[in-house]
Amino acid sequence: MTHQYSIVVGPVEGGWALDCDAIQAPMLFLSGARAEAHARALATRLSEAGDDVELIVRDRACVVVGLARYAAQSLAFAATG
């Protein structure tokens, strides 16, 4: 079954947060670039696992500066025998 996940990267006091409904708690980073890189890696892994993902990146003023969608990749298994 395909799930739809949302990942949001945005500023928090003292750094940047990566928030995703696929994980229990936000991940915190000192660098926005590092938070975004982790968000892209997570989005890729979720799509490879068969889930759709929307990634939203906000700047320090909380304005959306990036939006990417990662489509679920099909999980086809070949039977060997």
C-alpha atoms as a PDB file:
ATOM      1  CA  MET A   1       0.000   0.000   0.000  1.00  0.00           C
ATOM      2  CA  THR A   2       1.341   3.426  -0.965  1.00  0.00           C
ATOM      3  CA  HIS A   3       1.486   6.126   1.698  1.00  0.00           C
ATOM      4  CA  GLN A   4       1.662   9.874   1.128  1.00  0.00           C
ATOM      5  CA  TYR A   5       4.265  11.582   3.304  1.00  0.00           C
ATOM      6  CA  SER A   6       5.085  15.231   3.774  1.00  0.00           C
ATOM      7  CA  ILE A   7       8.549  16.460   4.737  1.00  0.00           C
ATOM      8  CA  VAL A   8       9.019  20.082   5.793  1.00  0.00           C
ATOM      9  CA  VAL A   9      12.352  21.808   6.380  1.00  0.00           C
ATOM     10  CA  GLY A  10      12.186  25.155   8.131  1.00  0.00           C
ATOM     11  CA  PRO A  11      13.755  27.441  10.681  1.00  0.00           C
ATOM     12  CA  VAL A  12      13.477  26.955  14.425  1.00  0.00           C
ATOM     13  CA  GLU A  13      15.139  28.804  17.262  1.00  0.00           C
ATOM     14  CA  GLY A  14      18.832  27.993  17.071  1.00  0.00           C
ATOM     15  CA  GLY A  15      18.779  26.107  13.784  1.00  0.00           C
ATOM     16  CA  TRP A  16      16.657  24.157  11.338  1.00  0.00           C
ATOM     17  CA  ALA A  17      14.110  21.373  11.686  1.00  0.00           C
ATOM     18  CA  LEU A  18      13.183  18.492   9.432  1.00  0.00           C
ATOM     19  CA  ASP A  19       9.647  17.385  10.219  1.00  0.00           C
ATOM     20  CA  CYS A  20       8.058  14.340   8.605  1.00  0.00           C
ATOM     21  CA  ASP A  21       4.956  12.364   9.460  1.00  0.00           C
ATOM     22  CA  ALA A  22       6.970   9.170   8.796  1.00  0.00           C
ATOM     23  CA  ILE A  23       9.172   9.822  11.854  1.00  0.00           C
ATOM     24  CA  GLN A  24       8.140  10.353  15.472  1.00  0.00           C
ATOM     25  CA  ALA A  25       9.935  13.613  16.247  1.00  0.00           C
ATOM     26  CA  PRO A  26      11.483  16.451  14.239  1.00  0.00           C
ATOM     27  CA  MET A  27      15.186  16.209  13.477  1.00  0.00           C
ATOM     28  CA  LEU A  28      17.175  19.340  14.371  1.00  0.00           C
ATOM     29  CA  PHE A  29      20.195  20.731  12.507  1.00  0.00           C
ATOM     30  CA  LEU A  30      22.460  23.754  12.888  1.00  0.00           C
ATOM     31  CA  SER A  31      22.658  24.165   9.104  1.00  0.00           C
ATOM     32  CA  GLY A  32      19.742  24.620   6.715  1.00  0.00           C
ATOM     33  CA  ALA A  33      21.776  22.985   3.961  1.00  0.00           C
ATOM     34  CA  ARG A  34      22.355  19.907   6.105  1.00  0.00           C
ATOM     35  CA  ALA A  35      18.654  19.706   7.031  1.00  0.00           C
ATOM     36  CA  GLU A  36      17.697  19.935   3.364  1.00  0.00           C
ATOM     37  CA  ALA A  37      20.236  17.271   2.360  1.00  0.00           C
ATOM     38  CA  HIS A  38      18.858  14.885   4.995  1.00  0.00           C
ATOM     39  CA  ALA A  39      15.302  15.664   3.876  1.00  0.00           C
ATOM     40  CA  ARG A  40      16.145  14.835   0.250  1.00  0.00           C
ATOM     41  CA  ALA A  41      17.815  11.582   1.304  1.00  0.00           C
ATOM     42  CA  LEU A  42      14.784  10.622   3.420  1.00  0.00           C
ATOM     43  CA  ALA A  43      12.410  11.476   0.552  1.00  0.00           C
ATOM     44  CA  THR A  44      14.449   9.302  -1.804  1.00  0.00           C
ATOM     45  CA  ARG A  45      14.428   6.358   0.614  1.00  0.00           C
ATOM     46  CA  LEU A  46      10.672   6.645   1.183  1.00  0.00           C
ATOM     47  CA  SER A  47       9.961   6.785  -2.555  1.00  0.00           C
ATOM     48  CA  GLU A  48      12.224   3.787  -3.147  1.00  0.00           C
ATOM     49  CA  ALA A  49      10.157   1.954  -0.516  1.00  0.00           C
ATOM     50  CA  GLY A  50       7.006   2.644  -2.561  1.00  0.00           C
ATOM     51  CA  ASP A  51       5.673   5.825  -0.930  1.00  0.00           C
ATOM     52  CA  ASP A  52       4.819   9.229  -2.413  1.00  0.00           C
ATOM     53  CA  VAL A  53       6.589  12.175  -0.780  1.00  0.00           C
ATOM     54  CA  GLU A  54       6.198  15.941  -0.943  1.00  0.00           C
ATOM     55  CA  LEU A  55       9.219  17.937   0.253  1.00  0.00           C
ATOM     56  CA  ILE A  56       8.720  21.572   1.278  1.00  0.00           C
ATOM     57  CA  VAL A  57      11.676  23.834   2.111  1.00  0.00           C
ATOM     58  CA  ARG A  58      11.128  27.177   3.867  1.00  0.00           C
ATOM     59  CA  ASP A  59      13.615  30.024   4.307  1.00  0.00           C
ATOM     60  CA  ARG A  60      14.289  31.988   7.507  1.00  0.00           C
ATOM     61  CA  ALA A  61      11.128  34.067   6.897  1.00  0.00           C
ATOM     62  CA  CYS A  62       9.130  30.797   6.580  1.00  0.00           C
ATOM     63  CA  VAL A  63       8.499  31.476   2.888  1.00  0.00           C
ATOM     64  CA  VAL A  64       8.395  28.355   0.706  1.00  0.00           C
ATOM     65  CA  VAL A  65      11.539  28.409  -1.422  1.00  0.00           C
ATOM     66  CA  GLY A  66      11.502  24.811  -2.587  1.00  0.00           C
ATOM     67  CA  LEU A  67       8.916  22.191  -3.422  1.00  0.00           C
ATOM     68  CA  ALA A  68       9.681  18.727  -4.758  1.00  0.00           C
ATOM     69  CA  ARG A  69       7.588  15.637  -5.245  1.00  0.00           C
ATOM     70  CA  TYR A  70       9.026  12.141  -5.124  1.00  0.00           C
ATOM     71  CA  ALA A  71       6.796   9.532  -6.755  1.00  0.00           C
ATOM     72  CA  ALA A  72       6.584   6.039  -5.339  1.00  0.00           C
ATOM     73  CA  GLN A  73       8.827   3.678  -7.220  1.00  0.00           C
ATOM     74  CA  SER A  74       7.285   0.337  -8.075  1.00  0.00           C
ATOM     75  CA  LEU A  75       8.538  -2.618  -6.154  1.00  0.00           C
ATOM     76  CA  ALA A  76       8.821  -5.373  -8.710  1.00  0.00           C
ATOM     77  CA  PHE A  77      10.397  -8.606  -7.587  1.00  0.00           C
ATOM     78  CA  ALA A  78      11.555 -11.252 -10.013  1.00  0.00           C
ATOM     79  CA  ALA A  79      10.978 -14.834  -9.024  1.00  0.00           C
ATOM     80  CA  THR A  80      13.967 -17.079  -9.454  1.00  0.00           C
ATOM     81  CA  GLY A  81      13.862 -20.759  -9.460  1.00  0.00           C
END
